[in-house]
Amino acid sequence: MSTKKRLFLIITMSAIYILLIPVKPLFLNIFFKIIPMVLIIYHGYQRMPSYKSRMHLLLLTGLIISMFADALIELTFVLGLATFLIGHLCYAGGFLERWTFSWLRLGTVIPLALYASWYSTTLVEALQLNNHDALILPVIAYVIVISFMLLTSIMTGNKWAAIGSFLFVISDSILAWNMFVSTIPHGSDWVMCTYYSAQLFIAHSIGTFSHRTAQ
């Protein structure tokens, strides 16, 4: 299957899930939710070079773990969150394999840290207000890990990886805000649009890394 056909299928199935599939019954929702991820994983696999380094395998593993997290988060939020966290660690591990030092790129740690601090504080206040104290530590841990994942993607110098990771942060920010702080109009649709886009960019990045250097 050509790249264009794969991308067409991914976009089509993502749109079908976001626009047409109802929340209930749950099993039907989960089934259609993971179809775009299966296609994205396939796209990532097809993008892998004949020589597969640890970086390539870690990124593909992160995609697969994210697919399982997609289903789990519909059943239990904490378990789904923990599974996504593991997926982010796989992404970060893969990106660390292509870490290329640059003061300019490293400087992004400042706005990242400021945003993570502000967002964590806002979420903690909302969780305390709604008596969700048990979620405070898991949520803080998740914010730290996904922020680190974004930093490592930026440090690779790979635009596909960085854009994908940035979109992942946007997606999860909308999700958490919509759940715990205040309702965002069409919030669920925005979450899934940015989420599928994030995973697609990360999957596409697999084929844009050289064996030894970042691009």
C-alpha atoms as a PDB file:
ATOM      1  CA  MET A   1       0.000   0.000   0.000  1.00  0.00           C
ATOM      2  CA  SER A   2       1.392   3.383  -0.983  1.00  0.00           C
ATOM      3  CA  THR A   3       2.034   6.163   1.519  1.00  0.00           C
ATOM      4  CA  LYS A   4      -0.787   8.256   0.043  1.00  0.00           C
ATOM      5  CA  LYS A   5      -3.271   5.406   0.452  1.00  0.00           C
ATOM      6  CA  ARG A   6      -2.162   4.805   4.037  1.00  0.00           C
ATOM      7  CA  LEU A   7      -2.564   8.480   4.898  1.00  0.00           C
ATOM      8  CA  PHE A   8      -5.975   8.595   3.215  1.00  0.00           C
ATOM      9  CA  LEU A   9      -7.163   5.593   5.251  1.00  0.00           C
ATOM     10  CA  ILE A  10      -5.815   7.062   8.492  1.00  0.00           C
ATOM     11  CA  ILE A  11      -7.516  10.412   7.928  1.00  0.00           C
ATOM     12  CA  THR A  12     -10.769   8.778   6.802  1.00  0.00           C
ATOM     13  CA  MET A  13     -11.024   6.370   9.730  1.00  0.00           C
ATOM     14  CA  SER A  14     -10.074   9.121  12.177  1.00  0.00           C
ATOM     15  CA  ALA A  15     -12.834  11.342  10.797  1.00  0.00           C
ATOM     16  CA  ILE A  16     -15.353   8.488  10.951  1.00  0.00           C
ATOM     17  CA  TYR A  17     -14.551   7.879  14.615  1.00  0.00           C
ATOM     18  CA  ILE A  18     -14.610  11.550  15.595  1.00  0.00           C
ATOM     19  CA  LEU A  19     -17.716  12.538  13.644  1.00  0.00           C
ATOM     20  CA  LEU A  20     -19.895   9.433  13.451  1.00  0.00           C
ATOM     21  CA  ILE A  21     -19.189   6.904  16.190  1.00  0.00           C
ATOM     22  CA  PRO A  22     -21.332   7.315  19.342  1.00  0.00           C
ATOM     23  CA  VAL A  23     -19.976   7.017  22.876  1.00  0.00           C
ATOM     24  CA  LYS A  24     -22.235   4.026  23.520  1.00  0.00           C
ATOM     25  CA  PRO A  25     -22.049   1.089  23.195  1.00  0.00           C
ATOM     26  CA  LEU A  26     -18.566   1.236  24.664  1.00  0.00           C
ATOM     27  CA  PHE A  27     -17.154  -1.802  22.846  1.00  0.00           C
ATOM     28  CA  LEU A  28     -18.122  -0.273  19.474  1.00  0.00           C
ATOM     29  CA  ASN A  29     -16.571   3.056  20.451  1.00  0.00           C
ATOM     30  CA  ILE A  30     -13.297   1.419  21.503  1.00  0.00           C
ATOM     31  CA  PHE A  31     -13.204  -0.739  18.358  1.00  0.00           C
ATOM     32  CA  PHE A  32     -13.454   2.245  16.024  1.00  0.00           C
ATOM     33  CA  LYS A  33     -11.183   4.346  18.242  1.00  0.00           C
ATOM     34  CA  ILE A  34      -8.213   2.012  17.811  1.00  0.00           C
ATOM     35  CA  ILE A  35      -8.624   1.458  14.057  1.00  0.00           C
ATOM     36  CA  PRO A  36      -6.774   4.711  13.193  1.00  0.00           C
ATOM     37  CA  MET A  37      -4.009   3.698  15.615  1.00  0.00           C
ATOM     38  CA  VAL A  38      -3.654   0.286  13.955  1.00  0.00           C
ATOM     39  CA  LEU A  39      -3.246   2.077  10.628  1.00  0.00           C
ATOM     40  CA  ILE A  40      -0.797   4.584  12.136  1.00  0.00           C
ATOM     41  CA  ILE A  41       1.275   1.735  13.594  1.00  0.00           C
ATOM     42  CA  TYR A  42       1.295   0.067  10.175  1.00  0.00           C
ATOM     43  CA  HIS A  43       2.402   3.363   8.622  1.00  0.00           C
ATOM     44  CA  GLY A  44       5.200   3.658  11.171  1.00  0.00           C
ATOM     45  CA  TYR A  45       6.300   0.080  10.523  1.00  0.00           C
ATOM     46  CA  GLN A  46       6.370   0.666   6.779  1.00  0.00           C
ATOM     47  CA  ARG A  47       8.495   3.756   7.366  1.00  0.00           C
ATOM     48  CA  MET A  48      11.167   1.768   9.211  1.00  0.00           C
ATOM     49  CA  PRO A  49      14.457   1.252   7.352  1.00  0.00           C
ATOM     50  CA  SER A  50      15.871  -2.202   6.688  1.00  0.00           C
ATOM     51  CA  TYR A  51      18.345  -1.542   9.489  1.00  0.00           C
ATOM     52  CA  LYS A  52      16.213  -1.111  12.607  1.00  0.00           C
ATOM     53  CA  SER A  53      18.009   0.595  15.473  1.00  0.00           C
ATOM     54  CA  ARG A  54      16.863   0.739  19.085  1.00  0.00           C
ATOM     55  CA  MET A  55      15.404   4.164  18.357  1.00  0.00           C
ATOM     56  CA  HIS A  56      13.122   2.795  15.636  1.00  0.00           C
ATOM     57  CA  LEU A  57      11.950  -0.069  17.851  1.00  0.00           C
ATOM     58  CA  LEU A  58      11.272   2.210  20.827  1.00  0.00           C
ATOM     59  CA  LEU A  59       9.136   4.567  18.751  1.00  0.00           C
ATOM     60  CA  LEU A  60       7.160   1.682  17.268  1.00  0.00           C
ATOM     61  CA  THR A  61       6.718   0.203  20.748  1.00  0.00           C
ATOM     62  CA  GLY A  62       5.434   3.565  21.976  1.00  0.00           C
ATOM     63  CA  LEU A  63       2.817   3.565  19.221  1.00  0.00           C
ATOM     64  CA  ILE A  64       1.667   0.050  20.120  1.00  0.00           C
ATOM     65  CA  ILE A  65       1.461   0.848  23.837  1.00  0.00           C
ATOM     66  CA  SER A  66      -0.529   3.994  23.025  1.00  0.00           C
ATOM     67  CA  MET A  67      -3.046   1.879  21.130  1.00  0.00           C
ATOM     68  CA  PHE A  68      -3.672  -0.237  24.229  1.00  0.00           C
ATOM     69  CA  ALA A  69      -3.851   2.925  26.335  1.00  0.00           C
ATOM     70  CA  ASP A  70      -6.581   4.204  24.004  1.00  0.00           C
ATOM     71  CA  ALA A  71      -8.787   1.293  24.999  1.00  0.00           C
ATOM     72  CA  LEU A  72      -7.834   1.209  28.682  1.00  0.00           C
ATOM     73  CA  ILE A  73      -8.514   4.892  29.309  1.00  0.00           C
ATOM     74  CA  GLU A  74     -12.128   4.320  28.264  1.00  0.00           C
ATOM     75  CA  LEU A  75     -12.424   1.641  30.959  1.00  0.00           C
ATOM     76  CA  THR A  76     -10.343   3.108  33.777  1.00  0.00           C
ATOM     77  CA  PHE A  77      -8.738   6.550  33.637  1.00  0.00           C
ATOM     78  CA  VAL A  78      -5.794   5.852  35.960  1.00  0.00           C
ATOM     79  CA  LEU A  79      -4.745   2.629  34.203  1.00  0.00           C
ATOM     80  CA  GLY A  80      -5.062   4.307  30.827  1.00  0.00           C
ATOM     81  CA  LEU A  81      -3.023   7.260  32.072  1.00  0.00           C
ATOM     82  CA  ALA A  82      -0.310   4.932  33.389  1.00  0.00           C
ATOM     83  CA  THR A  83      -0.187   3.070  30.080  1.00  0.00           C
ATOM     84  CA  PHE A  84       0.157   6.300  28.120  1.00  0.00           C
ATOM     85  CA  LEU A  85       2.949   7.312  30.513  1.00  0.00           C
ATOM     86  CA  ILE A  86       4.834   4.124  29.595  1.00  0.00           C
ATOM     87  CA  GLY A  87       4.300   4.936  25.933  1.00  0.00           C
ATOM     88  CA  HIS A  88       5.756   8.417  26.443  1.00  0.00           C
ATOM     89  CA  LEU A  89       8.795   6.906  28.141  1.00  0.00           C
ATOM     90  CA  CYS A  90       9.309   4.733  25.053  1.00  0.00           C
ATOM     91  CA  TYR A  91       9.079   7.810  22.839  1.00  0.00           C
ATOM     92  CA  ALA A  92      11.488   9.727  25.071  1.00  0.00           C
ATOM     93  CA  GLY A  93      13.894   6.780  25.088  1.00  0.00           C
ATOM     94  CA  GLY A  94      13.801   6.657  21.309  1.00  0.00           C
ATOM     95  CA  PHE A  95      14.336  10.391  20.955  1.00  0.00           C
ATOM     96  CA  LEU A  96      17.240  10.282  23.411  1.00  0.00           C
ATOM     97  CA  GLU A  97      18.976   7.931  20.974  1.00  0.00           C
ATOM     98  CA  ARG A  98      19.073  10.855  18.535  1.00  0.00           C
ATOM     99  CA  TRP A  99      19.723  13.660  21.029  1.00  0.00           C
ATOM    100  CA  THR A 100      21.769  16.347  19.250  1.00  0.00           C
ATOM    101  CA  PHE A 101      22.923  19.155  21.505  1.00  0.00           C
ATOM    102  CA  SER A 102      21.976  22.711  20.608  1.00  0.00           C
ATOM    103  CA  TRP A 103      21.761  25.674  22.964  1.00  0.00           C
ATOM    104  CA  LEU A 104      18.851  27.052  20.958  1.00  0.00           C
ATOM    105  CA  ARG A 105      16.857  23.825  21.229  1.00  0.00           C
ATOM    106  CA  LEU A 106      17.845  23.347  24.866  1.00  0.00           C
ATOM    107  CA  GLY A 107      16.506  26.832  25.562  1.00  0.00           C
ATOM    108  CA  THR A 108      12.988  25.517  24.975  1.00  0.00           C
ATOM    109  CA  VAL A 109      13.229  23.894  28.411  1.00  0.00           C
ATOM    110  CA  ILE A 110      12.378  27.304  29.919  1.00  0.00           C
ATOM    111  CA  PRO A 111       8.937  27.800  28.309  1.00  0.00           C
ATOM    112  CA  LEU A 112       8.281  24.072  28.705  1.00  0.00           C
ATOM    113  CA  ALA A 113       9.005  24.217  32.431  1.00  0.00           C
ATOM    114  CA  LEU A 114       6.903  27.361  32.865  1.00  0.00           C
ATOM    115  CA  TYR A 115       3.955  25.823  31.037  1.00  0.00           C
ATOM    116  CA  ALA A 116       4.233  22.513  32.905  1.00  0.00           C
ATOM    117  CA  SER A 117       4.392  24.336  36.252  1.00  0.00           C
ATOM    118  CA  TRP A 118       1.398  26.555  35.484  1.00  0.00           C
ATOM    119  CA  TYR A 119      -0.658  23.701  34.087  1.00  0.00           C
ATOM    120  CA  SER A 120       0.166  21.348  36.958  1.00  0.00           C
ATOM    121  CA  THR A 121      -0.769  24.009  39.506  1.00  0.00           C
ATOM    122  CA  THR A 122      -4.072  24.680  37.742  1.00  0.00           C
ATOM    123  CA  LEU A 123      -4.910  20.977  37.557  1.00  0.00           C
ATOM    124  CA  VAL A 124      -3.995  20.343  41.196  1.00  0.00           C
ATOM    125  CA  GLU A 125      -6.264  23.175  42.325  1.00  0.00           C
ATOM    126  CA  ALA A 126      -9.113  21.787  40.209  1.00  0.00           C
ATOM    127  CA  LEU A 127      -8.554  18.238  41.474  1.00  0.00           C
ATOM    128  CA  GLN A 128      -8.560  19.392  45.097  1.00  0.00           C
ATOM    129  CA  LEU A 129     -11.697  21.439  44.521  1.00  0.00           C
ATOM    130  CA  ASN A 130     -13.495  18.396  43.108  1.00  0.00           C
ATOM    131  CA  ASN A 131     -12.190  15.962  45.752  1.00  0.00           C
ATOM    132  CA  HIS A 132      -9.973  14.042  43.310  1.00  0.00           C
ATOM    133  CA  ASP A 133      -6.903  14.113  45.557  1.00  0.00           C
ATOM    134  CA  ALA A 134      -5.958  10.557  44.564  1.00  0.00           C
ATOM    135  CA  LEU A 135      -5.289  11.760  41.020  1.00  0.00           C
ATOM    136  CA  ILE A 136      -2.885  14.552  41.974  1.00  0.00           C
ATOM    137  CA  LEU A 137       0.355  12.539  41.983  1.00  0.00           C
ATOM    138  CA  PRO A 138      -0.473  10.522  38.825  1.00  0.00           C
ATOM    139  CA  VAL A 139      -1.376  13.701  36.950  1.00  0.00           C
ATOM    140  CA  ILE A 140       1.776  15.551  38.070  1.00  0.00           C
ATOM    141  CA  ALA A 141       3.930  12.561  37.087  1.00  0.00           C
ATOM    142  CA  TYR A 142       2.245  12.467  33.696  1.00  0.00           C
ATOM    143  CA  VAL A 143       2.815  16.186  33.071  1.00  0.00           C
ATOM    144  CA  ILE A 144       6.510  15.786  33.923  1.00  0.00           C
ATOM    145  CA  VAL A 145       6.961  12.770  31.647  1.00  0.00           C
ATOM    146  CA  ILE A 146       5.126  14.188  28.631  1.00  0.00           C
ATOM    147  CA  SER A 147       7.020  17.493  29.002  1.00  0.00           C
ATOM    148  CA  PHE A 148      10.298  15.563  29.051  1.00  0.00           C
ATOM    149  CA  MET A 149       9.166  13.617  25.991  1.00  0.00           C
ATOM    150  CA  LEU A 150       8.514  16.885  24.159  1.00  0.00           C
ATOM    151  CA  LEU A 151      11.946  18.220  25.142  1.00  0.00           C
ATOM    152  CA  THR A 152      13.713  15.076  23.905  1.00  0.00           C
ATOM    153  CA  SER A 153      11.854  15.272  20.595  1.00  0.00           C
ATOM    154  CA  ILE A 154      12.913  18.890  20.143  1.00  0.00           C
ATOM    155  CA  MET A 155      16.526  17.968  20.916  1.00  0.00           C
ATOM    156  CA  THR A 156      16.583  15.469  18.045  1.00  0.00           C
ATOM    157  CA  GLY A 157      16.223  18.322  15.585  1.00  0.00           C
ATOM    158  CA  ASN A 158      13.611  16.238  13.765  1.00  0.00           C
ATOM    159  CA  LYS A 159      10.622  18.417  12.838  1.00  0.00           C
ATOM    160  CA  TRP A 160       8.201  15.484  12.498  1.00  0.00           C
ATOM    161  CA  ALA A 161       9.002  14.167  15.965  1.00  0.00           C
ATOM    162  CA  ALA A 162       8.851  17.635  17.537  1.00  0.00           C
ATOM    163  CA  ILE A 163       5.526  18.553  15.905  1.00  0.00           C
ATOM    164  CA  GLY A 164       4.026  15.206  16.892  1.00  0.00           C
ATOM    165  CA  SER A 165       5.143  15.551  20.494  1.00  0.00           C
ATOM    166  CA  PHE A 166       3.908  19.151  20.660  1.00  0.00           C
ATOM    167  CA  LEU A 167       0.491  18.068  19.372  1.00  0.00           C
ATOM    168  CA  PHE A 168       0.451  15.311  22.001  1.00  0.00           C
ATOM    169  CA  VAL A 169       0.941  17.910  24.732  1.00  0.00           C
ATOM    170  CA  ILE A 170      -1.851  20.019  23.223  1.00  0.00           C
ATOM    171  CA  SER A 171      -4.170  17.005  23.049  1.00  0.00           C
ATOM    172  CA  ASP A 172      -3.570  15.962  26.641  1.00  0.00           C
ATOM    173  CA  SER A 173      -3.834  19.557  27.839  1.00  0.00           C
ATOM    174  CA  ILE A 174      -7.273  19.881  26.256  1.00  0.00           C
ATOM    175  CA  LEU A 175      -8.312  16.498  27.654  1.00  0.00           C
ATOM    176  CA  ALA A 176      -7.298  17.299  31.226  1.00  0.00           C
ATOM    177  CA  TRP A 177      -8.733  20.819  31.121  1.00  0.00           C
ATOM    178  CA  ASN A 178     -12.018  19.508  29.750  1.00  0.00           C
ATOM    179  CA  MET A 179     -12.188  16.810  32.427  1.00  0.00           C
ATOM    180  CA  PHE A 180     -11.080  18.680  35.519  1.00  0.00           C
ATOM    181  CA  VAL A 181     -11.125  22.458  35.014  1.00  0.00           C
ATOM    182  CA  SER A 182     -13.934  23.587  32.714  1.00  0.00           C
ATOM    183  CA  THR A 183     -15.830  22.327  29.692  1.00  0.00           C
ATOM    184  CA  ILE A 184     -14.360  23.158  26.291  1.00  0.00           C
ATOM    185  CA  PRO A 185     -16.823  23.325  23.373  1.00  0.00           C
ATOM    186  CA  HIS A 186     -16.299  20.221  21.206  1.00  0.00           C
ATOM    187  CA  GLY A 187     -13.456  19.335  23.561  1.00  0.00           C
ATOM    188  CA  SER A 188     -13.521  15.610  22.793  1.00  0.00           C
ATOM    189  CA  ASP A 189     -13.307  16.274  19.059  1.00  0.00           C
ATOM    190  CA  TRP A 190     -10.314  18.579  19.519  1.00  0.00           C
ATOM    191  CA  VAL A 191      -8.632  15.983  21.733  1.00  0.00           C
ATOM    192  CA  MET A 192      -8.930  13.236  19.149  1.00  0.00           C
ATOM    193  CA  CYS A 193      -7.992  15.462  16.190  1.00  0.00           C
ATOM    194  CA  THR A 194      -4.769  16.558  17.854  1.00  0.00           C
ATOM    195  CA  TYR A 195      -4.143  13.065  19.262  1.00  0.00           C
ATOM    196  CA  TYR A 196      -4.356  11.206  15.951  1.00  0.00           C
ATOM    197  CA  SER A 197      -2.291  13.954  14.304  1.00  0.00           C
ATOM    198  CA  ALA A 198       0.344  13.645  17.034  1.00  0.00           C
ATOM    199  CA  GLN A 199       0.652   9.893  16.634  1.00  0.00           C
ATOM    200  CA  LEU A 200       0.785  10.181  12.855  1.00  0.00           C
ATOM    201  CA  PHE A 201       3.608  12.730  12.975  1.00  0.00           C
ATOM    202  CA  ILE A 202       5.567  10.549  15.407  1.00  0.00           C
ATOM    203  CA  ALA A 203       4.989   7.458  13.262  1.00  0.00           C
ATOM    204  CA  HIS A 204       6.063   9.369  10.157  1.00  0.00           C
ATOM    205  CA  SER A 205       9.220  10.555  11.920  1.00  0.00           C
ATOM    206  CA  ILE A 206      10.434   6.950  12.162  1.00  0.00           C
ATOM    207  CA  GLY A 207      11.460   7.055   8.517  1.00  0.00           C
ATOM    208  CA  THR A 208      13.136  10.464   8.706  1.00  0.00           C
ATOM    209  CA  PHE A 209      15.919   9.598  11.145  1.00  0.00           C
ATOM    210  CA  SER A 210      19.273   8.534   9.766  1.00  0.00           C
ATOM    211  CA  HIS A 211      21.198   5.691  11.374  1.00  0.00           C
ATOM    212  CA  ARG A 212      23.548   7.876  13.388  1.00  0.00           C
ATOM    213  CA  THR A 213      22.470  11.494  13.211  1.00  0.00           C
ATOM    214  CA  ALA A 214      19.295  13.461  13.620  1.00  0.00           C
ATOM    215  CA  GLN A 215      17.801  15.229  10.647  1.00  0.00           C
END
